[in-house]
Amino acid sequence: MDRLQELKDLLATFEKDFVKFYEKGNKSAGTRVRKHMNELKRKAQEIRKEVQERKAADGGAPAAEGPQE
């Protein structure tokens, strides 16, 4: 569950800029929000790759969920 905590910590660091942009209308904070969202996207992609690698390492057992992406 370390990955979940990483995501929570990452989001917490974004909070000030979100407030500045959405509540106070600070355009510079909006630029930083976009940068933060790109960082979040990279982290999510990293986690998705890790999940796929771990699934593959388990011998390719069939998934209990719906169709793959």
C-alpha atoms as a PDB file:
ATOM      1  CA  MET A   1       0.000   0.000   0.000  1.00  0.00           C
ATOM      2  CA  ASP A   2       3.020   2.256  -0.240  1.00  0.00           C
ATOM      3  CA  ARG A   3       1.917   3.311  -3.712  1.00  0.00           C
ATOM      4  CA  LEU A   4      -1.436   4.506  -2.368  1.00  0.00           C
ATOM      5  CA  GLN A   5       0.318   6.606   0.260  1.00  0.00           C
ATOM      6  CA  GLU A   6       2.616   8.025  -2.427  1.00  0.00           C
ATOM      7  CA  LEU A   7      -0.439   9.196  -4.377  1.00  0.00           C
ATOM      8  CA  LYS A   8      -2.049  10.708  -1.272  1.00  0.00           C
ATOM      9  CA  ASP A   9       1.149  12.574  -0.392  1.00  0.00           C
ATOM     10  CA  LEU A  10       1.509  13.799  -3.965  1.00  0.00           C
ATOM     11  CA  LEU A  11      -2.044  15.151  -3.993  1.00  0.00           C
ATOM     12  CA  ALA A  12      -1.524  16.861  -0.642  1.00  0.00           C
ATOM     13  CA  THR A  13       1.395  18.831  -2.083  1.00  0.00           C
ATOM     14  CA  PHE A  14      -0.897  20.174  -4.829  1.00  0.00           C
ATOM     15  CA  GLU A  15      -3.577  21.544  -2.517  1.00  0.00           C
ATOM     16  CA  LYS A  16      -2.260  25.100  -2.073  1.00  0.00           C
ATOM     17  CA  ASP A  17      -2.065  25.721  -5.810  1.00  0.00           C
ATOM     18  CA  PHE A  18      -5.553  24.283  -6.385  1.00  0.00           C
ATOM     19  CA  VAL A  19      -6.980  26.660  -3.782  1.00  0.00           C
ATOM     20  CA  LYS A  20      -5.083  29.628  -5.203  1.00  0.00           C
ATOM     21  CA  PHE A  21      -6.341  28.922  -8.697  1.00  0.00           C
ATOM     22  CA  TYR A  22      -9.929  27.801  -8.133  1.00  0.00           C
ATOM     23  CA  GLU A  23     -10.850  29.988  -5.185  1.00  0.00           C
ATOM     24  CA  LYS A  24      -8.654  33.045  -5.677  1.00  0.00           C
ATOM     25  CA  GLY A  25      -8.294  33.085  -9.462  1.00  0.00           C
ATOM     26  CA  ASN A  26      -4.487  33.142  -9.438  1.00  0.00           C
ATOM     27  CA  LYS A  27      -3.456  32.361 -13.033  1.00  0.00           C
ATOM     28  CA  SER A  28       0.129  31.438 -12.101  1.00  0.00           C
ATOM     29  CA  ALA A  29      -1.247  28.816  -9.736  1.00  0.00           C
ATOM     30  CA  GLY A  30      -3.243  27.450 -12.687  1.00  0.00           C
ATOM     31  CA  THR A  31      -0.001  26.851 -14.551  1.00  0.00           C
ATOM     32  CA  ARG A  32       1.353  24.984 -11.539  1.00  0.00           C
ATOM     33  CA  VAL A  33      -1.878  22.939 -11.287  1.00  0.00           C
ATOM     34  CA  ARG A  34      -1.384  21.816 -14.879  1.00  0.00           C
ATOM     35  CA  LYS A  35       2.212  20.843 -14.042  1.00  0.00           C
ATOM     36  CA  HIS A  36       1.024  18.932 -10.967  1.00  0.00           C
ATOM     37  CA  MET A  37      -1.568  17.077 -13.020  1.00  0.00           C
ATOM     38  CA  ASN A  38       1.108  16.023 -15.497  1.00  0.00           C
ATOM     39  CA  GLU A  39       3.182  14.728 -12.594  1.00  0.00           C
ATOM     40  CA  LEU A  40       0.159  12.793 -11.331  1.00  0.00           C
ATOM     41  CA  LYS A  41      -0.324  11.327 -14.800  1.00  0.00           C
ATOM     42  CA  ARG A  42       3.297  10.129 -14.881  1.00  0.00           C
ATOM     43  CA  LYS A  43       2.936   8.551 -11.430  1.00  0.00           C
ATOM     44  CA  ALA A  44      -0.298   6.815 -12.459  1.00  0.00           C
ATOM     45  CA  GLN A  45       1.359   5.455 -15.588  1.00  0.00           C
ATOM     46  CA  GLU A  46       4.270   4.164 -13.511  1.00  0.00           C
ATOM     47  CA  ILE A  47       1.863   2.352 -11.178  1.00  0.00           C
ATOM     48  CA  ARG A  48      -0.122   0.894 -14.090  1.00  0.00           C
ATOM     49  CA  LYS A  49       3.109  -0.490 -15.574  1.00  0.00           C
ATOM     50  CA  GLU A  50       4.083  -2.003 -12.231  1.00  0.00           C
ATOM     51  CA  VAL A  51       0.663  -3.654 -11.888  1.00  0.00           C
ATOM     52  CA  GLN A  52       0.957  -5.177 -15.365  1.00  0.00           C
ATOM     53  CA  GLU A  53       4.455  -6.482 -14.621  1.00  0.00           C
ATOM     54  CA  ARG A  54       3.326  -8.044 -11.347  1.00  0.00           C
ATOM     55  CA  LYS A  55       0.337  -9.666 -13.048  1.00  0.00           C
ATOM     56  CA  ALA A  56       2.601 -11.093 -15.748  1.00  0.00           C
ATOM     57  CA  ALA A  57       5.042 -12.392 -13.126  1.00  0.00           C
ATOM     58  CA  ASP A  58       2.194 -14.338 -11.519  1.00  0.00           C
ATOM     59  CA  GLY A  59       2.088 -16.631 -14.540  1.00  0.00           C
ATOM     60  CA  GLY A  60      -0.565 -14.857 -16.522  1.00  0.00           C
ATOM     61  CA  ALA A  61      -3.414 -16.091 -14.369  1.00  0.00           C
ATOM     62  CA  PRO A  62      -6.788 -15.111 -15.824  1.00  0.00           C
ATOM     63  CA  ALA A  63      -8.229 -11.910 -14.461  1.00  0.00           C
ATOM     64  CA  ALA A  64     -11.464 -12.046 -12.501  1.00  0.00           C
ATOM     65  CA  GLU A  65     -12.563  -8.755 -14.002  1.00  0.00           C
ATOM     66  CA  GLY A  66     -13.973  -7.639 -17.336  1.00  0.00           C
ATOM     67  CA  PRO A  67     -12.173  -7.177 -20.643  1.00  0.00           C
ATOM     68  CA  GLN A  68      -8.637  -5.854 -20.779  1.00  0.00           C
ATOM     69  CA  GLU A  69      -7.816  -2.382 -22.164  1.00  0.00           C
END
